[in-house]
Amino acid sequence: MALSKFTLCLGAIALLSSTLCFAHPGFGFGFGWGGGSGGSTGGGGGYSSLFPQFYQFTCPQVDEIILSVLEPTIARNPRMAASLLRLHFHDCFAQGCDASVLLDNGASIVSEKRSFPNINSLRGFEVIDEIKEKLEEACPGVVSCADVVALAARGSVMLSGGPNWELPLGRRDSKTASVSLSNNNIPPPNSTIQNLITLFQRQGLNEVDLVALSGGHTIGVARCFTFKQRLYNQNGNNQPDETLERTYSNELRSMCPPSGGDNNITPLDLASPARFDNAYFKLILWGKGLLTSDEVLLTGRVRKTMELVKAYADDEALFFEQFAKSMVKMGNLGPLTGSNGEVRKNCRRVN
């Protein structure tokens, strides 16, 4: 596969790129997502002490190394792009973007991997391990696991046809994890619109960020367990969700029976499940948003989110632009910088 145009889009190492560019249309490889508590949640231009050129001299090949792992991985398994994007969300929404989600159980660590939103669901840890191993060979003790997670999420979006963005770097890794924050801060798939807004506001993210970041569901899959109530008992009255388009609902019922089949999977975006585009928003307008938390962006009767769903459905470039901005904003939730935290040698355990 020729990479010349994609590499040009990246720029001479994307860390130095100051403009938003879009992945080459030929990259149509084929998440669910769901915080930071404390720390700065910068908005607008400045992002605390994070900056895109952080590794310019200490590990200038960081992007090339990450892409050398992501390209073949996503080519083999397109679903992994969504998994790595989701990993970044779930990391940032519990204790900030500090790679706490990567920690295994230890003497003083109760792993976030065991939290309700993550258990038997979160994927991509082996990919992060492979990237980190290559970085340790090239630049020992330099690139943090938290930055690897953020860079892998960006690379996954790009390789799926989505936008590139200038990514502030310099996060350090936590020495702790928080199952309680993971359980309480990550929005569940049956969230109401008010619950979504509240959980995002808790992180310093607004309704624009909510709708744009929800658009990450344009790639990836969901288990029947996460939406089955919509098919059979949405409001506790043994009736399906009336906002779910009937033909689509019948198709989902055939795959997700009333009992059993909880781990069967279906695309979050049935139109183009492996391509990062704006089809997710069009499907919501047609009553084909898979999760309750998807459809309530339109049916929850919050004017701002309704307008944004329609705007992004109509204008993919607008969605891409805001998604990039909101990813940068989310990536700055409570980062550890300076002498705080550490740079883990192995992302699964503290040094």
Protein backbone atom coordinates (compact mmCIF):
# COMPACT_ATOMS: atom_id res chain seq x y z
CA MET A 1 0.00 0.00 0.00
CA ALA A 2 1.50 3.33 -1.05
CA LEU A 3 1.87 5.72 1.86
CA SER A 4 3.28 8.79 0.12
CA LYS A 5 0.16 10.96 0.22
CA PHE A 6 -0.63 9.89 3.78
CA THR A 7 2.91 10.67 4.85
CA LEU A 8 2.64 14.10 3.25
CA CYS A 9 -0.54 14.71 5.18
CA LEU A 10 1.30 13.80 8.36
CA GLY A 11 3.97 16.31 7.45
CA ALA A 12 7.63 15.89 8.26
CA ILE A 13 6.62 14.19 11.45
CA ALA A 14 3.16 15.35 12.46
CA LEU A 15 4.41 16.80 15.71
CA LEU A 16 5.56 19.82 13.73
CA SER A 17 2.39 20.26 11.71
CA SER A 18 0.41 23.33 12.65
CA THR A 19 -2.55 22.84 10.35
CA LEU A 20 -5.49 20.48 10.30
CA CYS A 21 -5.28 18.10 7.39
CA PHE A 22 -7.30 15.09 6.42
CA ALA A 23 -6.21 11.54 5.88
CA HIS A 24 -5.98 10.47 2.29
CA PRO A 25 -9.39 9.18 1.07
CA GLY A 26 -7.80 5.90 0.06
CA PHE A 27 -7.43 4.96 3.73
CA GLY A 28 -10.89 3.44 4.18
CA PHE A 29 -9.79 0.67 6.55
CA GLY A 30 -11.94 -1.37 7.70
CA PHE A 31 -15.80 2.10 19.31
CA GLY A 32 -17.97 2.71 21.58
CA TRP A 33 -16.15 5.16 23.87
CA GLY A 34 -17.64 5.52 26.73
CA GLY A 35 -12.37 11.94 34.37
CA GLY A 36 -10.08 13.64 34.86
CA SER A 37 -10.65 14.71 38.35
CA GLY A 38 -8.52 17.61 39.22
CA GLY A 39 -5.77 18.99 37.03
CA SER A 40 -6.18 21.60 34.37
CA THR A 41 -8.70 21.33 31.61
CA GLY A 42 -7.42 23.95 29.27
CA GLY A 43 -9.62 25.43 26.60
CA GLY A 44 -8.92 27.36 23.45
CA GLY A 45 -5.25 27.79 22.63
CA GLY A 46 -2.98 26.99 25.59
CA TYR A 47 -2.89 23.47 27.01
CA SER A 48 -0.97 23.74 30.29
CA SER A 49 2.59 22.54 29.71
CA LEU A 50 1.74 20.15 26.88
CA PHE A 51 3.01 21.10 23.44
CA PRO A 52 3.23 19.32 20.06
CA GLN A 53 7.02 19.48 19.75
CA PHE A 54 7.65 17.82 23.11
CA TYR A 55 9.63 14.91 21.58
CA GLN A 56 11.20 16.87 18.73
CA PHE A 57 14.74 16.31 20.02
CA THR A 58 14.38 13.40 22.46
CA CYS A 59 12.43 11.03 20.19
CA PRO A 60 11.75 12.63 16.80
CA GLN A 61 10.73 9.30 15.23
CA VAL A 62 7.84 8.76 17.66
CA ASP A 63 5.12 9.15 15.00
CA GLU A 64 6.88 6.89 12.54
CA ILE A 65 7.24 4.16 15.16
CA ILE A 66 3.59 4.38 16.18
CA LEU A 67 2.39 4.25 12.58
CA SER A 68 4.69 1.29 11.87
CA VAL A 69 2.61 -0.68 14.37
CA LEU A 70 -0.82 0.82 13.65
CA GLU A 71 -0.81 0.47 9.85
CA PRO A 72 -0.48 -3.34 9.65
CA THR A 73 -2.58 -3.85 12.78
CA ILE A 74 -5.55 -1.86 11.51
CA ALA A 75 -5.18 -3.30 8.00
CA ARG A 76 -5.55 -6.78 9.51
CA ASN A 77 -8.21 -5.83 12.03
CA PRO A 78 -10.05 -2.59 11.19
CA ARG A 79 -12.04 -2.79 14.42
CA MET A 80 -8.85 -2.13 16.39
CA ALA A 81 -8.91 1.53 15.32
CA ALA A 82 -12.12 2.05 17.26
CA SER A 83 -10.76 0.11 20.22
CA LEU A 84 -7.70 2.35 20.49
CA LEU A 85 -9.83 5.48 20.19
CA ARG A 86 -12.11 4.18 22.93
CA LEU A 87 -9.09 3.35 25.10
CA HIS A 88 -8.12 7.04 25.05
CA PHE A 89 -11.64 8.12 26.09
CA HIS A 90 -11.79 5.64 28.94
CA ASP A 91 -8.34 6.66 30.15
CA CYS A 92 -9.08 10.39 30.17
CA PHE A 93 -12.51 10.10 31.81
CA ALA A 94 -11.08 8.31 34.85
CA GLN A 95 -8.36 10.23 36.71
CA GLY A 96 -7.30 12.22 33.64
CA CYS A 97 -5.19 11.30 30.61
CA ASP A 98 -2.48 9.50 32.59
CA ALA A 99 -2.48 5.91 31.26
CA SER A 100 -4.05 4.68 34.51
CA VAL A 101 -6.34 2.47 32.41
CA LEU A 102 -3.34 0.44 31.27
CA LEU A 103 -2.24 -0.65 34.75
CA ASP A 104 -2.76 -4.29 35.71
CA ASN A 105 -3.59 -5.35 39.25
CA GLY A 106 -0.63 -4.99 41.58
CA ALA A 107 0.31 -4.76 45.22
CA SER A 108 -1.14 -1.26 45.48
CA ILE A 109 -3.15 -1.15 42.23
CA VAL A 110 -6.72 -2.23 41.63
CA SER A 111 -6.92 -2.16 37.85
CA GLU A 112 -9.45 0.01 36.02
CA LYS A 113 -9.70 -2.86 33.56
CA ARG A 114 -12.05 -4.47 36.09
CA SER A 115 -14.50 -1.55 36.17
CA PHE A 116 -17.98 -2.07 34.80
CA PRO A 117 -17.46 0.01 31.61
CA ASN A 118 -14.17 -1.77 30.85
CA ILE A 119 -14.40 -5.41 31.87
CA ASN A 120 -14.66 -7.85 28.94
CA SER A 121 -14.97 -4.79 26.71
CA LEU A 122 -11.87 -2.62 26.50
CA ARG A 123 -9.33 -3.79 23.91
CA GLY A 124 -6.03 -2.74 22.37
CA PHE A 125 -3.66 -3.25 25.30
CA GLU A 126 -1.39 -5.55 23.29
CA VAL A 127 -1.08 -2.92 20.56
CA ILE A 128 -0.02 -0.32 23.12
CA ASP A 129 2.49 -2.84 24.49
CA GLU A 130 3.97 -3.38 21.03
CA ILE A 131 4.27 0.36 20.39
CA LYS A 132 5.86 0.95 23.79
CA GLU A 133 8.37 -1.87 23.28
CA LYS A 134 9.53 -0.32 19.99
CA LEU A 135 9.74 3.14 21.54
CA GLU A 136 11.81 1.82 24.43
CA GLU A 137 14.25 0.32 21.93
CA ALA A 138 14.58 3.63 20.06
CA CYS A 139 14.19 6.16 22.89
CA PRO A 140 14.48 4.46 26.30
CA GLY A 141 12.50 6.07 29.10
CA VAL A 142 11.35 9.02 27.01
CA VAL A 143 7.80 8.60 25.63
CA SER A 144 5.08 8.15 28.23
CA CYS A 145 2.35 5.56 27.98
CA ALA A 146 -0.22 8.36 28.30
CA ASP A 147 1.17 10.01 25.17
CA VAL A 148 1.28 6.65 23.39
CA VAL A 149 -2.45 6.21 24.05
CA ALA A 150 -3.22 9.72 22.75
CA LEU A 151 -1.03 9.26 19.65
CA ALA A 152 -2.48 5.82 18.92
CA ALA A 153 -6.00 7.26 19.06
CA ARG A 154 -5.09 10.00 16.60
CA GLY A 155 -3.34 7.56 14.27
CA SER A 156 -6.31 5.20 14.38
CA VAL A 157 -8.71 7.97 13.36
CA MET A 158 -6.44 9.04 10.51
CA LEU A 159 -5.95 5.49 9.22
CA SER A 160 -9.73 5.07 9.20
CA GLY A 161 -10.20 8.10 6.94
CA GLY A 162 -10.70 10.74 9.60
CA PRO A 163 -8.90 13.99 10.44
CA ASN A 164 -5.39 14.60 11.67
CA TRP A 165 -4.74 17.20 14.34
CA GLU A 166 -1.84 18.87 16.09
CA LEU A 167 -1.57 16.94 19.34
CA PRO A 168 -0.07 18.55 22.45
CA LEU A 169 2.29 16.09 24.16
CA GLY A 170 4.24 15.78 27.39
CA ARG A 171 1.82 13.79 29.58
CA ARG A 172 3.36 11.60 32.25
CA ASP A 173 2.08 8.32 33.63
CA SER A 174 0.21 7.84 36.87
CA LYS A 175 1.31 5.55 39.66
CA THR A 176 -2.30 4.94 40.68
CA ALA A 177 -5.61 3.83 39.18
CA SER A 178 -9.23 4.46 40.18
CA VAL A 179 -11.93 1.88 39.60
CA SER A 180 -14.48 4.17 41.26
CA LEU A 181 -13.80 7.05 38.87
CA SER A 182 -13.96 4.64 35.94
CA ASN A 183 -17.31 3.34 37.16
CA ASN A 184 -18.76 6.78 37.91
CA ASN A 185 -17.38 9.05 35.18
CA ILE A 186 -17.67 7.05 31.95
CA PRO A 187 -21.15 7.54 30.45
CA PRO A 188 -23.12 4.28 30.19
CA PRO A 189 -24.72 3.36 26.84
CA ASN A 190 -28.25 3.85 28.20
CA SER A 191 -27.55 7.43 29.36
CA THR A 192 -30.19 10.12 29.09
CA ILE A 193 -29.18 13.36 27.42
CA GLN A 194 -29.02 15.11 30.80
CA ASN A 195 -26.78 12.40 32.22
CA LEU A 196 -24.46 12.75 29.23
CA ILE A 197 -24.29 16.52 29.57
CA THR A 198 -23.63 16.26 33.31
CA LEU A 199 -20.84 13.70 32.95
CA PHE A 200 -19.16 15.72 30.20
CA GLN A 201 -19.50 18.97 32.13
CA ARG A 202 -17.81 17.25 35.07
CA GLN A 203 -14.76 16.98 32.82
CA GLY A 204 -14.96 20.56 31.58
CA LEU A 205 -16.43 19.43 28.26
CA ASN A 206 -19.50 21.12 26.81
CA GLU A 207 -22.40 20.08 24.58
CA VAL A 208 -20.37 20.71 21.43
CA ASP A 209 -17.66 18.36 22.70
CA LEU A 210 -20.31 15.80 23.65
CA VAL A 211 -21.82 15.61 20.17
CA ALA A 212 -18.51 15.77 18.32
CA LEU A 213 -16.83 13.12 20.47
CA SER A 214 -19.90 10.89 20.26
CA GLY A 215 -19.17 10.91 16.54
CA GLY A 216 -16.31 8.56 17.35
CA HIS A 217 -19.03 5.91 17.16
CA THR A 218 -18.77 6.18 13.39
CA ILE A 219 -16.31 3.28 13.71
CA GLY A 220 -16.45 0.14 15.80
CA VAL A 221 -19.04 -2.21 17.23
CA ALA A 222 -21.21 -2.68 20.31
CA ARG A 223 -22.35 -5.77 22.18
CA CYS A 224 -26.04 -6.66 22.39
CA PHE A 225 -25.76 -6.17 26.12
CA THR A 226 -25.31 -2.41 25.61
CA PHE A 227 -28.53 -1.81 23.67
CA LYS A 228 -30.79 -4.82 24.25
CA GLN A 229 -33.13 -2.87 26.51
CA ARG A 230 -34.07 -0.70 23.50
CA LEU A 231 -35.37 -3.75 21.68
CA TYR A 232 -37.56 -5.22 24.39
CA ASN A 233 -37.97 -3.07 27.49
CA GLN A 234 -36.80 0.51 27.06
CA ASN A 235 -38.90 2.14 29.75
CA GLY A 236 -39.68 -0.77 32.04
CA ASN A 237 -42.97 -1.49 30.26
CA ASN A 238 -41.81 -4.44 28.13
CA GLN A 239 -42.04 -2.28 25.00
CA PRO A 240 -39.29 -1.40 22.49
CA ASP A 241 -37.89 2.08 22.13
CA GLU A 242 -40.27 4.01 19.87
CA THR A 243 -37.45 6.20 18.58
CA LEU A 244 -35.70 3.19 17.01
CA GLU A 245 -36.59 2.77 13.32
CA ARG A 246 -38.76 -0.34 13.01
CA THR A 247 -36.94 -2.24 10.26
CA TYR A 248 -33.61 -1.63 11.98
CA SER A 249 -35.13 -2.72 15.29
CA ASN A 250 -36.32 -5.98 13.73
CA GLU A 251 -32.85 -6.64 12.31
CA LEU A 252 -31.31 -6.08 15.72
CA ARG A 253 -33.84 -8.40 17.36
CA SER A 254 -32.83 -11.21 15.03
CA MET A 255 -29.27 -10.86 16.25
CA CYS A 256 -30.02 -10.10 19.90
CA PRO A 257 -32.69 -12.48 21.28
CA PRO A 258 -34.53 -11.64 24.51
CA SER A 259 -32.33 -14.04 26.44
CA GLY A 260 -28.73 -14.93 25.63
CA GLY A 261 -26.53 -13.48 22.92
CA ASP A 262 -25.35 -10.60 25.11
CA ASN A 263 -21.86 -10.68 23.60
CA ASN A 264 -23.02 -10.73 19.97
CA ILE A 265 -21.73 -7.62 18.22
CA THR A 266 -23.07 -5.24 15.60
CA PRO A 267 -21.62 -2.07 14.03
CA LEU A 268 -22.34 1.24 15.75
CA ASP A 269 -22.47 2.72 12.24
CA LEU A 270 -24.13 0.17 9.97
CA ALA A 271 -23.52 2.28 6.86
CA SER A 272 -19.70 2.42 6.98
CA PRO A 273 -18.52 0.67 10.16
CA ALA A 274 -14.80 0.79 9.38
CA ARG A 275 -14.61 4.28 7.90
CA PHE A 276 -14.42 7.45 9.94
CA ASP A 277 -17.06 9.73 8.38
CA ASN A 278 -20.28 11.53 9.28
CA ALA A 279 -22.65 8.63 8.52
CA TYR A 280 -23.17 8.19 12.27
CA PHE A 281 -25.09 11.47 12.42
CA LYS A 282 -27.15 10.67 9.35
CA LEU A 283 -28.17 7.37 10.91
CA ILE A 284 -29.30 9.14 14.07
CA LEU A 285 -31.57 11.34 11.95
CA TRP A 286 -33.06 8.17 10.43
CA GLY A 287 -33.75 6.58 13.83
CA LYS A 288 -30.81 4.22 13.43
CA GLY A 289 -28.53 5.35 16.21
CA LEU A 290 -27.63 2.10 17.94
CA LEU A 291 -27.21 3.10 21.57
CA THR A 292 -29.63 5.12 23.65
CA SER A 293 -26.74 7.54 24.25
CA ASP A 294 -26.47 8.01 20.48
CA GLU A 295 -30.14 8.59 19.70
CA VAL A 296 -30.80 10.96 22.63
CA LEU A 297 -28.47 13.49 21.06
CA LEU A 298 -31.43 14.08 18.72
CA THR A 299 -34.46 12.90 20.70
CA GLY A 300 -33.45 14.25 24.10
CA ARG A 301 -35.02 17.63 23.34
CA VAL A 302 -31.89 19.63 24.00
CA ARG A 303 -31.81 22.20 21.24
CA LYS A 304 -28.03 22.52 21.03
CA THR A 305 -27.33 18.81 20.60
CA MET A 306 -30.20 18.42 18.11
CA GLU A 307 -28.83 21.25 15.99
CA LEU A 308 -25.31 19.82 16.08
CA VAL A 309 -26.43 16.35 14.99
CA LYS A 310 -28.13 17.91 11.98
CA ALA A 311 -25.16 20.17 11.23
CA TYR A 312 -22.63 17.33 11.33
CA ALA A 313 -24.90 15.09 9.26
CA ASP A 314 -24.98 17.81 6.62
CA ASP A 315 -21.31 18.82 6.72
CA GLU A 316 -18.60 16.20 7.25
CA ALA A 317 -15.79 18.78 7.18
CA LEU A 318 -17.47 20.67 10.03
CA PHE A 319 -17.66 17.45 12.06
CA PHE A 320 -14.02 16.60 11.36
CA GLU A 321 -12.89 20.07 12.40
CA GLN A 322 -14.79 20.00 15.69
CA PHE A 323 -13.88 16.39 16.44
CA ALA A 324 -10.20 17.32 16.18
CA LYS A 325 -10.66 20.32 18.48
CA SER A 326 -12.62 18.29 21.03
CA MET A 327 -10.05 15.48 20.98
CA VAL A 328 -7.32 17.98 21.85
CA LYS A 329 -9.50 19.39 24.62
CA MET A 330 -10.30 15.95 26.01
CA GLY A 331 -6.65 14.94 25.76
CA ASN A 332 -5.83 17.71 28.22
CA LEU A 333 -8.01 16.40 31.03
CA GLY A 334 -5.89 16.36 34.18
CA PRO A 335 -2.52 15.51 32.61
CA LEU A 336 0.46 14.79 34.85
CA THR A 337 3.40 16.95 33.78
CA GLY A 338 6.80 18.08 34.98
CA SER A 339 7.94 16.02 37.97
CA ASN A 340 4.51 14.50 38.60
CA GLY A 341 4.01 10.83 37.83
CA GLU A 342 6.65 8.98 35.84
CA VAL A 343 7.42 7.58 32.40
CA ARG A 344 6.66 3.88 32.74
CA LYS A 345 9.00 1.39 31.11
CA ASN A 346 6.16 -1.12 30.94
CA CYS A 347 2.71 0.41 30.51
CA ARG A 348 1.07 -2.31 32.59
CA ARG A 349 2.93 -1.56 35.82
CA VAL A 350 4.62 1.27 37.67
CA ASN A 351 8.40 1.43 37.56
